[in-house]
Amino acid sequence: MFRRREPVPFAFIAEADKFRSNVTPPPRERASASQIVGRTLIGLTVVAGLVGSLLFGMPAMSAHQSPAQTQQSEAAEGR
């Protein structure tokens, strides 16, 4: 760890970086089956949304395709 350069009036503050607790936290609760299924469905929904946006967005972003006919306004047809 980095040592402090400025003087610290209390020794316990200076030594706080080295303190390690001997108390272990309680074990985490296991997720229930419904929580696992819910998280899986949310993940699949996000992935499906990203894949769908790619599938619909790629044709719109491709610039190398030229339209079959040039577009003209209706006002140009009457000339």
N, C-alpha and C. Protein backbone atom coordinates (compact mmCIF):
# COMPACT_ATOMS: atom_id res chain seq x y z
N MET A 1 0.83 -1.18 0.00
CA MET A 1 0.00 0.00 0.00
C MET A 1 0.87 1.25 0.00
N PHE A 2 0.27 2.37 -0.29
CA PHE A 2 1.01 3.62 -0.33
C PHE A 2 1.10 4.20 1.08
N ARG A 3 2.23 4.73 1.39
CA ARG A 3 2.42 5.41 2.67
C ARG A 3 2.01 6.86 2.51
N ARG A 4 1.43 7.40 3.55
CA ARG A 4 1.02 8.80 3.51
C ARG A 4 2.22 9.69 3.76
N ARG A 5 2.28 10.77 3.03
CA ARG A 5 3.42 11.68 3.15
C ARG A 5 3.17 12.72 4.24
N GLU A 6 1.93 13.11 4.45
CA GLU A 6 1.66 14.14 5.45
C GLU A 6 1.56 13.50 6.83
N PRO A 7 1.90 14.22 7.86
CA PRO A 7 1.80 13.65 9.21
C PRO A 7 0.34 13.44 9.61
N VAL A 8 0.08 12.32 10.27
CA VAL A 8 -1.27 11.99 10.71
C VAL A 8 -1.27 12.03 12.23
N PRO A 9 -2.21 12.77 12.82
CA PRO A 9 -2.17 12.91 14.28
C PRO A 9 -2.55 11.64 15.04
N PHE A 10 -3.28 10.74 14.44
CA PHE A 10 -3.71 9.54 15.14
C PHE A 10 -3.07 8.32 14.47
N ALA A 11 -2.45 7.50 15.24
CA ALA A 11 -1.74 6.35 14.70
C ALA A 11 -2.70 5.33 14.10
N PHE A 12 -3.90 5.17 14.67
CA PHE A 12 -4.83 4.16 14.15
C PHE A 12 -5.33 4.53 12.77
N ILE A 13 -5.36 5.79 12.43
CA ILE A 13 -5.75 6.19 11.08
C ILE A 13 -4.66 5.81 10.09
N ALA A 14 -3.40 6.01 10.51
CA ALA A 14 -2.29 5.68 9.62
C ALA A 14 -2.17 4.19 9.41
N GLU A 15 -2.53 3.39 10.40
CA GLU A 15 -2.41 1.95 10.31
C GLU A 15 -3.70 1.28 9.83
N ALA A 16 -4.71 2.05 9.45
CA ALA A 16 -6.00 1.49 9.06
C ALA A 16 -5.90 0.68 7.77
N ASP A 17 -4.93 0.98 6.93
CA ASP A 17 -4.78 0.23 5.68
C ASP A 17 -4.38 -1.21 5.92
N LYS A 18 -3.72 -1.49 7.04
CA LYS A 18 -3.23 -2.84 7.31
C LYS A 18 -4.23 -3.69 8.08
N PHE A 19 -5.33 -3.10 8.53
CA PHE A 19 -6.27 -3.83 9.38
C PHE A 19 -7.04 -4.87 8.57
N ARG A 20 -7.09 -6.07 9.07
CA ARG A 20 -7.87 -7.14 8.46
C ARG A 20 -8.76 -7.73 9.53
N SER A 21 -10.01 -7.86 9.23
CA SER A 21 -10.97 -8.38 10.20
C SER A 21 -10.92 -9.90 10.22
N ASN A 22 -11.13 -10.47 11.39
CA ASN A 22 -11.19 -11.93 11.49
C ASN A 22 -12.63 -12.42 11.52
N VAL A 23 -13.57 -11.52 11.28
CA VAL A 23 -14.99 -11.89 11.28
C VAL A 23 -15.39 -12.16 9.83
N THR A 24 -15.89 -13.34 9.59
CA THR A 24 -16.30 -13.67 8.22
C THR A 24 -17.77 -13.28 8.03
N PRO A 25 -18.11 -12.76 6.89
CA PRO A 25 -19.51 -12.40 6.64
C PRO A 25 -20.36 -13.66 6.51
N PRO A 26 -21.66 -13.54 6.74
CA PRO A 26 -22.51 -14.72 6.61
C PRO A 26 -22.56 -15.18 5.15
N PRO A 27 -22.79 -16.46 4.92
CA PRO A 27 -22.86 -16.95 3.53
C PRO A 27 -24.06 -16.36 2.80
N ARG A 28 -23.89 -16.17 1.50
CA ARG A 28 -24.97 -15.61 0.70
C ARG A 28 -26.08 -16.63 0.53
N GLU A 29 -27.30 -16.12 0.47
CA GLU A 29 -28.43 -17.02 0.25
C GLU A 29 -28.41 -17.51 -1.19
N ARG A 30 -28.78 -18.75 -1.37
CA ARG A 30 -28.86 -19.30 -2.72
C ARG A 30 -30.10 -18.76 -3.41
N ALA A 31 -29.97 -18.50 -4.69
CA ALA A 31 -31.10 -17.99 -5.46
C ALA A 31 -32.11 -19.12 -5.65
N SER A 32 -33.38 -18.74 -5.55
CA SER A 32 -34.43 -19.74 -5.75
C SER A 32 -34.57 -20.04 -7.25
N ALA A 33 -35.32 -21.08 -7.55
CA ALA A 33 -35.51 -21.47 -8.96
C ALA A 33 -36.20 -20.37 -9.75
N SER A 34 -37.18 -19.71 -9.13
CA SER A 34 -37.88 -18.65 -9.85
C SER A 34 -36.96 -17.45 -10.12
N GLN A 35 -36.04 -17.16 -9.20
CA GLN A 35 -35.10 -16.08 -9.45
C GLN A 35 -34.14 -16.42 -10.58
N ILE A 36 -33.71 -17.66 -10.63
CA ILE A 36 -32.80 -18.09 -11.71
C ILE A 36 -33.52 -18.03 -13.05
N VAL A 37 -34.76 -18.49 -13.09
CA VAL A 37 -35.53 -18.46 -14.33
C VAL A 37 -35.78 -17.01 -14.76
N GLY A 38 -36.10 -16.14 -13.81
CA GLY A 38 -36.33 -14.74 -14.13
C GLY A 38 -35.09 -14.06 -14.68
N ARG A 39 -33.94 -14.32 -14.05
CA ARG A 39 -32.70 -13.73 -14.55
C ARG A 39 -32.36 -14.26 -15.93
N THR A 40 -32.63 -15.54 -16.16
CA THR A 40 -32.35 -16.12 -17.47
C THR A 40 -33.24 -15.50 -18.54
N LEU A 41 -34.51 -15.30 -18.22
CA LEU A 41 -35.43 -14.70 -19.20
C LEU A 41 -35.05 -13.26 -19.50
N ILE A 42 -34.64 -12.54 -18.48
CA ILE A 42 -34.21 -11.15 -18.71
C ILE A 42 -32.97 -11.14 -19.60
N GLY A 43 -32.03 -12.02 -19.33
CA GLY A 43 -30.82 -12.09 -20.16
C GLY A 43 -31.13 -12.45 -21.59
N LEU A 44 -32.02 -13.43 -21.77
CA LEU A 44 -32.39 -13.82 -23.13
C LEU A 44 -33.12 -12.69 -23.86
N THR A 45 -33.94 -11.94 -23.14
CA THR A 45 -34.65 -10.82 -23.75
C THR A 45 -33.67 -9.75 -24.21
N VAL A 46 -32.67 -9.46 -23.39
CA VAL A 46 -31.68 -8.46 -23.77
C VAL A 46 -30.88 -8.93 -24.98
N VAL A 47 -30.46 -10.18 -24.98
CA VAL A 47 -29.69 -10.71 -26.11
C VAL A 47 -30.54 -10.74 -27.37
N ALA A 48 -31.81 -11.14 -27.26
CA ALA A 48 -32.69 -11.16 -28.43
C ALA A 48 -32.91 -9.75 -28.97
N GLY A 49 -33.01 -8.77 -28.10
CA GLY A 49 -33.16 -7.39 -28.55
C GLY A 49 -31.94 -6.90 -29.30
N LEU A 50 -30.76 -7.24 -28.81
CA LEU A 50 -29.54 -6.83 -29.50
C LEU A 50 -29.41 -7.52 -30.85
N VAL A 51 -29.72 -8.81 -30.90
CA VAL A 51 -29.63 -9.54 -32.17
C VAL A 51 -30.68 -9.01 -33.15
N GLY A 52 -31.89 -8.75 -32.67
CA GLY A 52 -32.93 -8.20 -33.54
C GLY A 52 -32.57 -6.84 -34.08
N SER A 53 -31.97 -6.00 -33.23
CA SER A 53 -31.59 -4.68 -33.73
C SER A 53 -30.48 -4.78 -34.77
N LEU A 54 -29.60 -5.76 -34.63
CA LEU A 54 -28.58 -5.97 -35.66
C LEU A 54 -29.20 -6.46 -36.96
N LEU A 55 -30.15 -7.40 -36.84
CA LEU A 55 -30.77 -7.95 -38.05
C LEU A 55 -31.55 -6.88 -38.82
N PHE A 56 -32.26 -6.03 -38.09
CA PHE A 56 -33.03 -4.98 -38.77
C PHE A 56 -32.18 -3.79 -39.15
N GLY A 57 -31.10 -3.56 -38.44
CA GLY A 57 -30.29 -2.38 -38.70
C GLY A 57 -29.26 -2.56 -39.78
N MET A 58 -28.78 -3.76 -39.99
CA MET A 58 -27.72 -3.96 -40.98
C MET A 58 -28.16 -3.62 -42.41
N PRO A 59 -29.34 -4.01 -42.86
CA PRO A 59 -29.73 -3.60 -44.22
C PRO A 59 -29.86 -2.09 -44.36
N ALA A 60 -30.30 -1.43 -43.32
CA ALA A 60 -30.45 0.02 -43.41
C ALA A 60 -29.11 0.73 -43.42
N MET A 61 -28.08 0.10 -42.85
CA MET A 61 -26.78 0.74 -42.77
C MET A 61 -25.88 0.43 -43.97
N SER A 62 -26.28 -0.53 -44.79
CA SER A 62 -25.43 -0.88 -45.93
C SER A 62 -25.61 0.19 -47.01
N ALA A 63 -24.52 0.85 -47.35
CA ALA A 63 -24.57 1.97 -48.30
C ALA A 63 -24.19 1.54 -49.71
N HIS A 64 -23.69 0.33 -49.89
CA HIS A 64 -23.23 -0.06 -51.21
C HIS A 64 -24.37 -0.46 -52.15
N GLN A 65 -25.56 -0.63 -51.68
CA GLN A 65 -26.69 -0.97 -52.55
C GLN A 65 -27.29 0.32 -53.10
N SER A 66 -27.50 0.34 -54.39
CA SER A 66 -28.14 1.50 -55.01
C SER A 66 -29.60 1.17 -55.27
N PRO A 67 -30.47 2.14 -55.18
CA PRO A 67 -31.88 1.86 -55.45
C PRO A 67 -32.11 1.47 -56.91
N ALA A 68 -33.14 0.68 -57.18
CA ALA A 68 -33.41 0.20 -58.53
C ALA A 68 -33.78 1.34 -59.47
N GLN A 69 -34.47 2.32 -58.98
CA GLN A 69 -34.83 3.46 -59.81
C GLN A 69 -34.65 4.73 -58.98
N THR A 70 -34.36 5.81 -59.66
CA THR A 70 -34.18 7.05 -58.94
C THR A 70 -35.54 7.61 -58.54
N GLN A 71 -35.59 8.21 -57.39
CA GLN A 71 -36.85 8.75 -56.91
C GLN A 71 -37.04 10.16 -57.44
N GLN A 72 -38.24 10.43 -57.89
CA GLN A 72 -38.58 11.77 -58.36
C GLN A 72 -39.86 12.19 -57.69
N SER A 73 -39.98 13.46 -57.47
CA SER A 73 -41.19 13.95 -56.83
C SER A 73 -42.34 13.99 -57.85
N GLU A 74 -43.52 14.09 -57.33
CA GLU A 74 -44.70 14.14 -58.22
C GLU A 74 -44.72 15.43 -59.04
N ALA A 75 -44.11 16.48 -58.52
CA ALA A 75 -44.09 17.73 -59.27
C ALA A 75 -43.22 17.60 -60.52
N ALA A 76 -42.20 16.77 -60.47
CA ALA A 76 -41.33 16.61 -61.64
C ALA A 76 -42.02 15.81 -62.75
N GLU A 77 -43.03 15.01 -62.41
CA GLU A 77 -43.71 14.18 -63.43
C GLU A 77 -44.57 15.03 -64.35
N GLY A 78 -45.09 16.14 -63.89
CA GLY A 78 -45.99 16.96 -64.69
C GLY A 78 -45.28 17.83 -65.69
N ARG A 79 -44.02 17.85 -65.76
CA ARG A 79 -43.30 18.73 -66.68
C ARG A 79 -43.26 18.19 -68.07
